[in-house]
Amino acid sequence: MAISTAAPRMLALGRAELILLGRNKMALYVALLLPVLMVWTMRTTIGDMDLGDTGMSLNETSLTGAFGFILLFVIYQNLVSAYVARREELVLKRLRTGEAGDAEILGGTALPAVAVAVAQMVVLVVAGVFWMDLRAPARPDLMLIGMVLGVVLSIALAALTTTWAKTVESAQLVTTPLLLISLVGSGLLIPLEAMPDVVADVCELLPLSPVIELVRGGWLGGLSAYETVGHLVTALAWTYLAVFAVRRWFRWEPRR
């Protein structure tokens, strides 16, 4: 019964948020165009890099890394601004006095961004297989698990990041550290296999690293059972910590 009543509320919140996203042209352009621009930039940046040790081609590296761009820019960065804006407008506070639970409010607000992200991920796979001559996903189940964990983790990290943003304008600033760390260290621009061993071992522990490795391994294959379990445990640990932190420190009222 709880699930049957929660779904309509989340869909209603999602429809309202979708209308607001459509009115915010800048946020819409960022969500739709920035990941594509980043993939093009990535191909240009790593075009001269020796990828022989990674076992991946340029197309394989750039397209699998693109999943990280989508998680960062379509979900994470977009939702930080959305959550802060709704908080400062007292929308979250009013919603919380109704029947919707905390998870429903945060999840419903995230639905449009998640829908756009999932659509872009599907387009990536289709374009990679039918246009760029990549192999079909070797482990679709593993790839799907990585995508789901990445979406949930990105939503939780976005909600957590809002605790440091006092205004919508500052929301873009507080997202910068995670964006830069993930772009450089989580295998989006430079595969972990191309890094020195010590650096790669550290970067494997970053929040998005296990997600990218699961998606990359699910598409291209090559992950051993030990590596798969390790990435799953790391991704689940980050997700648990992020959700716990959101429940503990997320602010529902404007910061004064």
C-alpha atoms as a PDB file:
ATOM      1  CA  MET A   1       0.000   0.000   0.000  1.00  0.00           C
ATOM      2  CA  ALA A   2       2.804   2.416   0.899  1.00  0.00           C
ATOM      3  CA  ILE A   3       4.497   1.868  -2.461  1.00  0.00           C
ATOM      4  CA  SER A   4       1.228   2.318  -4.360  1.00  0.00           C
ATOM      5  CA  THR A   5       0.620   5.681  -2.689  1.00  0.00           C
ATOM      6  CA  ALA A   6       4.232   6.857  -2.842  1.00  0.00           C
ATOM      7  CA  ALA A   7       4.605   6.370  -6.608  1.00  0.00           C
ATOM      8  CA  PRO A   8       1.863   8.871  -7.607  1.00  0.00           C
ATOM      9  CA  ARG A   9       3.284  11.473  -5.241  1.00  0.00           C
ATOM     10  CA  MET A  10       6.776  11.056  -6.656  1.00  0.00           C
ATOM     11  CA  LEU A  11       5.464  11.250 -10.221  1.00  0.00           C
ATOM     12  CA  ALA A  12       3.569  14.426  -9.384  1.00  0.00           C
ATOM     13  CA  LEU A  13       6.709  15.976  -7.925  1.00  0.00           C
ATOM     14  CA  GLY A  14       8.654  14.803 -10.962  1.00  0.00           C
ATOM     15  CA  ARG A  15       6.182  16.422 -13.379  1.00  0.00           C
ATOM     16  CA  ALA A  16       6.375  19.713 -11.502  1.00  0.00           C
ATOM     17  CA  GLU A  17      10.164  19.584 -11.492  1.00  0.00           C
ATOM     18  CA  LEU A  18      10.220  18.762 -15.207  1.00  0.00           C
ATOM     19  CA  ILE A  19       8.213  21.914 -15.933  1.00  0.00           C
ATOM     20  CA  LEU A  20      10.677  23.966 -13.891  1.00  0.00           C
ATOM     21  CA  LEU A  21      13.620  22.341 -15.664  1.00  0.00           C
ATOM     22  CA  GLY A  22      12.085  23.215 -19.027  1.00  0.00           C
ATOM     23  CA  ARG A  23      11.787  26.848 -17.966  1.00  0.00           C
ATOM     24  CA  ASN A  24      15.410  26.987 -16.815  1.00  0.00           C
ATOM     25  CA  LYS A  25      17.102  27.102 -20.200  1.00  0.00           C
ATOM     26  CA  MET A  26      20.629  27.190 -18.804  1.00  0.00           C
ATOM     27  CA  ALA A  27      20.101  24.095 -16.652  1.00  0.00           C
ATOM     28  CA  LEU A  28      18.448  22.335 -19.596  1.00  0.00           C
ATOM     29  CA  TYR A  29      21.323  23.153 -21.953  1.00  0.00           C
ATOM     30  CA  VAL A  30      23.864  21.982 -19.388  1.00  0.00           C
ATOM     31  CA  ALA A  31      22.003  18.702 -18.887  1.00  0.00           C
ATOM     32  CA  LEU A  32      21.590  18.012 -22.605  1.00  0.00           C
ATOM     33  CA  LEU A  33      24.688  19.466 -24.246  1.00  0.00           C
ATOM     34  CA  LEU A  34      27.520  19.543 -21.710  1.00  0.00           C
ATOM     35  CA  PRO A  35      28.064  15.748 -21.569  1.00  0.00           C
ATOM     36  CA  VAL A  36      28.312  15.665 -25.383  1.00  0.00           C
ATOM     37  CA  LEU A  37      30.798  18.541 -25.342  1.00  0.00           C
ATOM     38  CA  MET A  38      32.827  16.830 -22.629  1.00  0.00           C
ATOM     39  CA  VAL A  39      33.024  13.597 -24.638  1.00  0.00           C
ATOM     40  CA  TRP A  40      34.302  15.526 -27.648  1.00  0.00           C
ATOM     41  CA  THR A  41      36.835  17.328 -25.446  1.00  0.00           C
ATOM     42  CA  MET A  42      37.889  14.023 -23.932  1.00  0.00           C
ATOM     43  CA  ARG A  43      38.505  12.449 -27.342  1.00  0.00           C
ATOM     44  CA  THR A  44      40.648  15.436 -28.288  1.00  0.00           C
ATOM     45  CA  THR A  45      42.552  15.334 -25.003  1.00  0.00           C
ATOM     46  CA  ILE A  46      43.395  11.629 -24.981  1.00  0.00           C
ATOM     47  CA  GLY A  47      43.698  11.271 -28.739  1.00  0.00           C
ATOM     48  CA  ASP A  48      47.503  11.153 -28.552  1.00  0.00           C
ATOM     49  CA  MET A  49      47.624   9.081 -25.360  1.00  0.00           C
ATOM     50  CA  ASP A  50      49.061   5.588 -25.528  1.00  0.00           C
ATOM     51  CA  LEU A  51      46.147   3.360 -24.515  1.00  0.00           C
ATOM     52  CA  GLY A  52      47.918   0.101 -25.286  1.00  0.00           C
ATOM     53  CA  ASP A  53      48.297  -0.854 -21.618  1.00  0.00           C
ATOM     54  CA  THR A  54      44.601  -0.272 -20.940  1.00  0.00           C
ATOM     55  CA  GLY A  55      43.373  -2.761 -23.528  1.00  0.00           C
ATOM     56  CA  MET A  56      40.847  -0.185 -24.747  1.00  0.00           C
ATOM     57  CA  SER A  57      40.497   1.836 -27.916  1.00  0.00           C
ATOM     58  CA  LEU A  58      39.889   5.579 -28.002  1.00  0.00           C
ATOM     59  CA  ASN A  59      36.174   5.068 -28.660  1.00  0.00           C
ATOM     60  CA  GLU A  60      35.841   2.542 -25.848  1.00  0.00           C
ATOM     61  CA  THR A  61      37.606   4.815 -23.396  1.00  0.00           C
ATOM     62  CA  SER A  62      35.668   7.946 -24.288  1.00  0.00           C
ATOM     63  CA  LEU A  63      32.210   6.367 -24.477  1.00  0.00           C
ATOM     64  CA  THR A  64      32.487   4.437 -21.220  1.00  0.00           C
ATOM     65  CA  GLY A  65      33.923   7.522 -19.525  1.00  0.00           C
ATOM     66  CA  ALA A  66      30.934   9.484 -20.825  1.00  0.00           C
ATOM     67  CA  PHE A  67      28.717   7.684 -18.315  1.00  0.00           C
ATOM     68  CA  GLY A  68      30.611   9.532 -15.611  1.00  0.00           C
ATOM     69  CA  PHE A  69      30.045  12.877 -17.332  1.00  0.00           C
ATOM     70  CA  ILE A  70      26.321  12.189 -17.414  1.00  0.00           C
ATOM     71  CA  LEU A  71      26.216  11.279 -13.724  1.00  0.00           C
ATOM     72  CA  LEU A  72      28.217  14.380 -12.774  1.00  0.00           C
ATOM     73  CA  PHE A  73      26.606  17.041 -14.939  1.00  0.00           C
ATOM     74  CA  VAL A  74      23.088  15.793 -15.639  1.00  0.00           C
ATOM     75  CA  ILE A  75      22.306  14.416 -12.175  1.00  0.00           C
ATOM     76  CA  TYR A  76      24.795  15.626  -9.562  1.00  0.00           C
ATOM     77  CA  GLN A  77      25.401  19.246 -10.577  1.00  0.00           C
ATOM     78  CA  ASN A  78      21.848  19.827 -11.757  1.00  0.00           C
ATOM     79  CA  LEU A  79      20.303  18.413  -8.579  1.00  0.00           C
ATOM     80  CA  VAL A  80      22.499  20.441  -6.245  1.00  0.00           C
ATOM     81  CA  SER A  81      21.086  23.611  -7.796  1.00  0.00           C
ATOM     82  CA  ALA A  82      17.534  22.216  -7.801  1.00  0.00           C
ATOM     83  CA  TYR A  83      17.607  21.119  -4.160  1.00  0.00           C
ATOM     84  CA  VAL A  84      19.093  24.432  -2.998  1.00  0.00           C
ATOM     85  CA  ALA A  85      16.560  26.435  -5.016  1.00  0.00           C
ATOM     86  CA  ARG A  86      13.603  24.462  -3.629  1.00  0.00           C
ATOM     87  CA  ARG A  87      14.999  24.734  -0.113  1.00  0.00           C
ATOM     88  CA  GLU A  88      15.475  28.507  -0.275  1.00  0.00           C
ATOM     89  CA  GLU A  89      11.971  28.921  -1.766  1.00  0.00           C
ATOM     90  CA  LEU A  90      10.548  26.932   1.197  1.00  0.00           C
ATOM     91  CA  VAL A  91       9.203  24.308  -1.207  1.00  0.00           C
ATOM     92  CA  LEU A  92      10.939  21.436   0.583  1.00  0.00           C
ATOM     93  CA  LYS A  93       9.669  22.628   3.950  1.00  0.00           C
ATOM     94  CA  ARG A  94       6.061  22.806   2.712  1.00  0.00           C
ATOM     95  CA  LEU A  95       6.302  19.395   1.041  1.00  0.00           C
ATOM     96  CA  ARG A  96       7.634  17.876   4.227  1.00  0.00           C
ATOM     97  CA  THR A  97       4.532  18.957   6.158  1.00  0.00           C
ATOM     98  CA  GLY A  98       2.371  16.860   3.824  1.00  0.00           C
ATOM     99  CA  GLU A  99       2.077  13.130   3.280  1.00  0.00           C
ATOM    100  CA  ALA A 100       5.246  12.702   1.229  1.00  0.00           C
ATOM    101  CA  GLY A 101       8.236  11.216   3.029  1.00  0.00           C
ATOM    102  CA  ASP A 102      11.773  12.527   2.819  1.00  0.00           C
ATOM    103  CA  ALA A 103      12.878   9.936   0.268  1.00  0.00           C
ATOM    104  CA  GLU A 104       9.797  10.656  -1.874  1.00  0.00           C
ATOM    105  CA  ILE A 105      10.524  14.389  -1.910  1.00  0.00           C
ATOM    106  CA  LEU A 106      14.182  14.004  -2.837  1.00  0.00           C
ATOM    107  CA  GLY A 107      13.460  11.181  -5.290  1.00  0.00           C
ATOM    108  CA  GLY A 108      10.567  12.979  -6.960  1.00  0.00           C
ATOM    109  CA  THR A 109      12.649  16.115  -7.409  1.00  0.00           C
ATOM    110  CA  ALA A 110      15.378  14.004  -9.012  1.00  0.00           C
ATOM    111  CA  LEU A 111      13.104  12.173 -11.492  1.00  0.00           C
ATOM    112  CA  PRO A 112      13.501  14.546 -14.490  1.00  0.00           C
ATOM    113  CA  ALA A 113      17.290  14.608 -14.193  1.00  0.00           C
ATOM    114  CA  VAL A 114      17.377  10.822 -13.839  1.00  0.00           C
ATOM    115  CA  ALA A 115      15.117  10.382 -16.870  1.00  0.00           C
ATOM    116  CA  VAL A 116      17.364  12.604 -19.004  1.00  0.00           C
ATOM    117  CA  ALA A 117      20.466  10.786 -17.760  1.00  0.00           C
ATOM    118  CA  VAL A 118      19.066   7.313 -18.453  1.00  0.00           C
ATOM    119  CA  ALA A 119      17.976   8.375 -21.938  1.00  0.00           C
ATOM    120  CA  GLN A 120      21.484   9.673 -22.669  1.00  0.00           C
ATOM    121  CA  MET A 121      23.046   6.459 -21.386  1.00  0.00           C
ATOM    122  CA  VAL A 122      20.836   4.400 -23.690  1.00  0.00           C
ATOM    123  CA  VAL A 123      21.778   6.640 -26.618  1.00  0.00           C
ATOM    124  CA  LEU A 124      25.457   6.156 -25.746  1.00  0.00           C
ATOM    125  CA  VAL A 125      25.164   2.366 -25.908  1.00  0.00           C
ATOM    126  CA  VAL A 126      23.159   2.419 -29.143  1.00  0.00           C
ATOM    127  CA  ALA A 127      25.524   4.908 -30.780  1.00  0.00           C
ATOM    128  CA  GLY A 128      28.555   2.984 -29.601  1.00  0.00           C
ATOM    129  CA  VAL A 129      27.349  -0.352 -30.955  1.00  0.00           C
ATOM    130  CA  PHE A 130      25.721   0.725 -34.215  1.00  0.00           C
ATOM    131  CA  TRP A 131      27.699   3.830 -35.147  1.00  0.00           C
ATOM    132  CA  MET A 132      31.157   3.579 -33.565  1.00  0.00           C
ATOM    133  CA  ASP A 133      31.583  -0.184 -33.998  1.00  0.00           C
ATOM    134  CA  LEU A 134      31.914  -1.055 -30.326  1.00  0.00           C
ATOM    135  CA  ARG A 135      31.061  -4.539 -29.165  1.00  0.00           C
ATOM    136  CA  ALA A 136      27.671  -5.230 -27.610  1.00  0.00           C
ATOM    137  CA  PRO A 137      27.744  -5.135 -23.793  1.00  0.00           C
ATOM    138  CA  ALA A 138      29.510  -8.253 -22.545  1.00  0.00           C
ATOM    139  CA  ARG A 139      27.762  -8.200 -19.153  1.00  0.00           C
ATOM    140  CA  PRO A 140      24.545  -6.160 -19.429  1.00  0.00           C
ATOM    141  CA  ASP A 141      23.615  -7.113 -15.866  1.00  0.00           C
ATOM    142  CA  LEU A 142      26.865  -5.739 -14.477  1.00  0.00           C
ATOM    143  CA  MET A 143      26.539  -2.622 -16.580  1.00  0.00           C
ATOM    144  CA  LEU A 144      22.984  -2.068 -15.322  1.00  0.00           C
ATOM    145  CA  ILE A 145      24.077  -2.516 -11.694  1.00  0.00           C
ATOM    146  CA  GLY A 146      26.796   0.095 -12.196  1.00  0.00           C
ATOM    147  CA  MET A 147      24.330   2.531 -13.755  1.00  0.00           C
ATOM    148  CA  VAL A 148      21.773   2.098 -10.963  1.00  0.00           C
ATOM    149  CA  LEU A 149      24.388   2.505  -8.240  1.00  0.00           C
ATOM    150  CA  GLY A 150      25.770   5.545 -10.040  1.00  0.00           C
ATOM    151  CA  VAL A 151      22.359   7.197 -10.235  1.00  0.00           C
ATOM    152  CA  VAL A 152      21.525   6.559  -6.566  1.00  0.00           C
ATOM    153  CA  LEU A 153      24.983   7.684  -5.433  1.00  0.00           C
ATOM    154  CA  SER A 154      24.823  10.852  -7.552  1.00  0.00           C
ATOM    155  CA  ILE A 155      21.445  11.797  -6.068  1.00  0.00           C
ATOM    156  CA  ALA A 156      22.695  11.207  -2.529  1.00  0.00           C
ATOM    157  CA  LEU A 157      25.911  13.158  -3.120  1.00  0.00           C
ATOM    158  CA  ALA A 158      23.910  16.028  -4.617  1.00  0.00           C
ATOM    159  CA  ALA A 159      21.632  16.183  -1.587  1.00  0.00           C
ATOM    160  CA  LEU A 160      24.629  16.033   0.746  1.00  0.00           C
ATOM    161  CA  THR A 161      26.491  18.776  -1.128  1.00  0.00           C
ATOM    162  CA  THR A 162      23.618  21.208  -0.593  1.00  0.00           C
ATOM    163  CA  THR A 163      24.547  21.415   3.092  1.00  0.00           C
ATOM    164  CA  TRP A 164      27.478  23.654   2.074  1.00  0.00           C
ATOM    165  CA  ALA A 165      25.502  25.868  -0.325  1.00  0.00           C
ATOM    166  CA  LYS A 166      23.781  28.920   1.143  1.00  0.00           C
ATOM    167  CA  THR A 167      22.377  30.178  -2.159  1.00  0.00           C
ATOM    168  CA  VAL A 168      21.652  28.923  -5.660  1.00  0.00           C
ATOM    169  CA  GLU A 169      24.599  30.960  -6.907  1.00  0.00           C
ATOM    170  CA  SER A 170      27.000  29.221  -4.521  1.00  0.00           C
ATOM    171  CA  ALA A 171      25.636  25.804  -5.482  1.00  0.00           C
ATOM    172  CA  GLN A 172      27.822  25.755  -8.573  1.00  0.00           C
ATOM    173  CA  LEU A 173      30.914  26.494  -6.489  1.00  0.00           C
ATOM    174  CA  VAL A 174      30.398  23.731  -3.937  1.00  0.00           C
ATOM    175  CA  THR A 175      30.105  21.123  -6.695  1.00  0.00           C
ATOM    176  CA  THR A 176      33.542  21.985  -8.108  1.00  0.00           C
ATOM    177  CA  PRO A 177      35.699  19.807  -5.789  1.00  0.00           C
ATOM    178  CA  LEU A 178      33.870  16.550  -6.541  1.00  0.00           C
ATOM    179  CA  LEU A 179      33.635  17.399 -10.245  1.00  0.00           C
ATOM    180  CA  LEU A 180      37.377  17.993 -10.563  1.00  0.00           C
ATOM    181  CA  ILE A 181      38.387  15.021  -8.422  1.00  0.00           C
ATOM    182  CA  SER A 182      36.089  12.679 -10.351  1.00  0.00           C
ATOM    183  CA  LEU A 183      37.101  13.967 -13.783  1.00  0.00           C
ATOM    184  CA  VAL A 184      40.791  13.499 -13.059  1.00  0.00           C
ATOM    185  CA  GLY A 185      40.820  10.505 -10.732  1.00  0.00           C
ATOM    186  CA  SER A 186      37.800   8.299 -11.435  1.00  0.00           C
ATOM    187  CA  GLY A 187      38.793   7.105 -14.880  1.00  0.00           C
ATOM    188  CA  LEU A 188      36.655   9.515 -16.900  1.00  0.00           C
ATOM    189  CA  LEU A 189      39.512  11.311 -18.644  1.00  0.00           C
ATOM    190  CA  ILE A 190      42.400   8.984 -17.855  1.00  0.00           C
ATOM    191  CA  PRO A 191      41.678   5.253 -17.353  1.00  0.00           C
ATOM    192  CA  LEU A 192      42.936   3.890 -14.062  1.00  0.00           C
ATOM    193  CA  GLU A 193      44.951   1.324 -16.013  1.00  0.00           C
ATOM    194  CA  ALA A 194      47.004   4.166 -17.516  1.00  0.00           C
ATOM    195  CA  MET A 195      47.934   5.588 -14.106  1.00  0.00           C
ATOM    196  CA  PRO A 196      50.883   4.541 -11.908  1.00  0.00           C
ATOM    197  CA  ASP A 197      49.919   1.642  -9.677  1.00  0.00           C
ATOM    198  CA  VAL A 198      50.025   3.617  -6.423  1.00  0.00           C
ATOM    199  CA  VAL A 199      47.918   6.440  -7.861  1.00  0.00           C
ATOM    200  CA  ALA A 200      45.451   3.983  -9.376  1.00  0.00           C
ATOM    201  CA  ASP A 201      45.030   2.178  -6.046  1.00  0.00           C
ATOM    202  CA  VAL A 202      44.105   5.475  -4.371  1.00  0.00           C
ATOM    203  CA  CYS A 203      41.825   6.609  -7.191  1.00  0.00           C
ATOM    204  CA  GLU A 204      39.916   3.315  -7.088  1.00  0.00           C
ATOM    205  CA  LEU A 205      38.535   4.441  -3.715  1.00  0.00           C
ATOM    206  CA  LEU A 206      36.970   7.666  -5.043  1.00  0.00           C
ATOM    207  CA  PRO A 207      33.149   7.745  -5.078  1.00  0.00           C
ATOM    208  CA  LEU A 208      32.580   7.385  -8.830  1.00  0.00           C
ATOM    209  CA  SER A 209      35.539   5.121  -9.598  1.00  0.00           C
ATOM    210  CA  PRO A 210      33.809   1.793  -8.817  1.00  0.00           C
ATOM    211  CA  VAL A 211      30.736   2.893 -10.774  1.00  0.00           C
ATOM    212  CA  ILE A 212      32.789   3.688 -13.885  1.00  0.00           C
ATOM    213  CA  GLU A 213      34.716   0.425 -13.556  1.00  0.00           C
ATOM    214  CA  LEU A 214      31.498  -1.592 -13.269  1.00  0.00           C
ATOM    215  CA  VAL A 215      29.958   0.118 -16.301  1.00  0.00           C
ATOM    216  CA  ARG A 216      33.184  -0.204 -18.277  1.00  0.00           C
ATOM    217  CA  GLY A 217      33.623  -3.847 -17.297  1.00  0.00           C
ATOM    218  CA  GLY A 218      29.986  -4.589 -18.018  1.00  0.00           C
ATOM    219  CA  TRP A 219      30.272  -3.155 -21.511  1.00  0.00           C
ATOM    220  CA  LEU A 220      33.767  -4.251 -22.503  1.00  0.00           C
ATOM    221  CA  GLY A 221      34.229  -7.316 -20.280  1.00  0.00           C
ATOM    222  CA  GLY A 222      37.485  -8.277 -18.642  1.00  0.00           C
ATOM    223  CA  LEU A 223      36.550  -7.853 -14.974  1.00  0.00           C
ATOM    224  CA  SER A 224      37.421 -10.811 -12.782  1.00  0.00           C
ATOM    225  CA  ALA A 225      35.071 -11.988 -10.060  1.00  0.00           C
ATOM    226  CA  TYR A 226      37.420 -10.550  -7.428  1.00  0.00           C
ATOM    227  CA  GLU A 227      37.516  -7.142  -9.147  1.00  0.00           C
ATOM    228  CA  THR A 228      33.760  -7.143  -9.591  1.00  0.00           C
ATOM    229  CA  VAL A 229      33.108  -7.842  -5.925  1.00  0.00           C
ATOM    230  CA  GLY A 230      35.642  -5.199  -4.907  1.00  0.00           C
ATOM    231  CA  HIS A 231      34.004  -2.511  -7.049  1.00  0.00           C
ATOM    232  CA  LEU A 232      30.541  -3.509  -5.864  1.00  0.00           C
ATOM    233  CA  VAL A 233      31.562  -3.313  -2.208  1.00  0.00           C
ATOM    234  CA  THR A 234      33.210   0.085  -2.704  1.00  0.00           C
ATOM    235  CA  ALA A 235      30.214   1.494  -4.584  1.00  0.00           C
ATOM    236  CA  LEU A 236      27.755   0.170  -2.006  1.00  0.00           C
ATOM    237  CA  ALA A 237      29.867   1.547   0.836  1.00  0.00           C
ATOM    238  CA  TRP A 238      29.921   5.029  -0.715  1.00  0.00           C
ATOM    239  CA  THR A 239      26.182   4.866  -1.368  1.00  0.00           C
ATOM    240  CA  TYR A 240      25.447   3.824   2.210  1.00  0.00           C
ATOM    241  CA  LEU A 241      27.677   6.568   3.635  1.00  0.00           C
ATOM    242  CA  ALA A 242      26.145   9.218   1.383  1.00  0.00           C
ATOM    243  CA  VAL A 243      22.565   8.205   2.236  1.00  0.00           C
ATOM    244  CA  PHE A 244      23.413   8.108   5.953  1.00  0.00           C
ATOM    245  CA  ALA A 245      24.973  11.581   5.735  1.00  0.00           C
ATOM    246  CA  VAL A 246      21.936  12.957   3.908  1.00  0.00           C
ATOM    247  CA  ARG A 247      19.592  11.620   6.584  1.00  0.00           C
ATOM    248  CA  ARG A 248      21.818  13.144   9.248  1.00  0.00           C
ATOM    249  CA  TRP A 249      22.753  16.544   7.830  1.00  0.00           C
ATOM    250  CA  PHE A 250      20.455  17.490   4.942  1.00  0.00           C
ATOM    251  CA  ARG A 251      18.847  20.891   5.546  1.00  0.00           C
ATOM    252  CA  TRP A 252      15.147  21.234   4.756  1.00  0.00           C
ATOM    253  CA  GLU A 253      14.890  24.914   5.639  1.00  0.00           C
ATOM    254  CA  PRO A 254      16.816  27.930   4.294  1.00  0.00           C
ATOM    255  CA  ARG A 255      20.217  28.599   5.787  1.00  0.00           C
ATOM    256  CA  ARG A 256      20.409  31.819   7.773  1.00  0.00           C
END
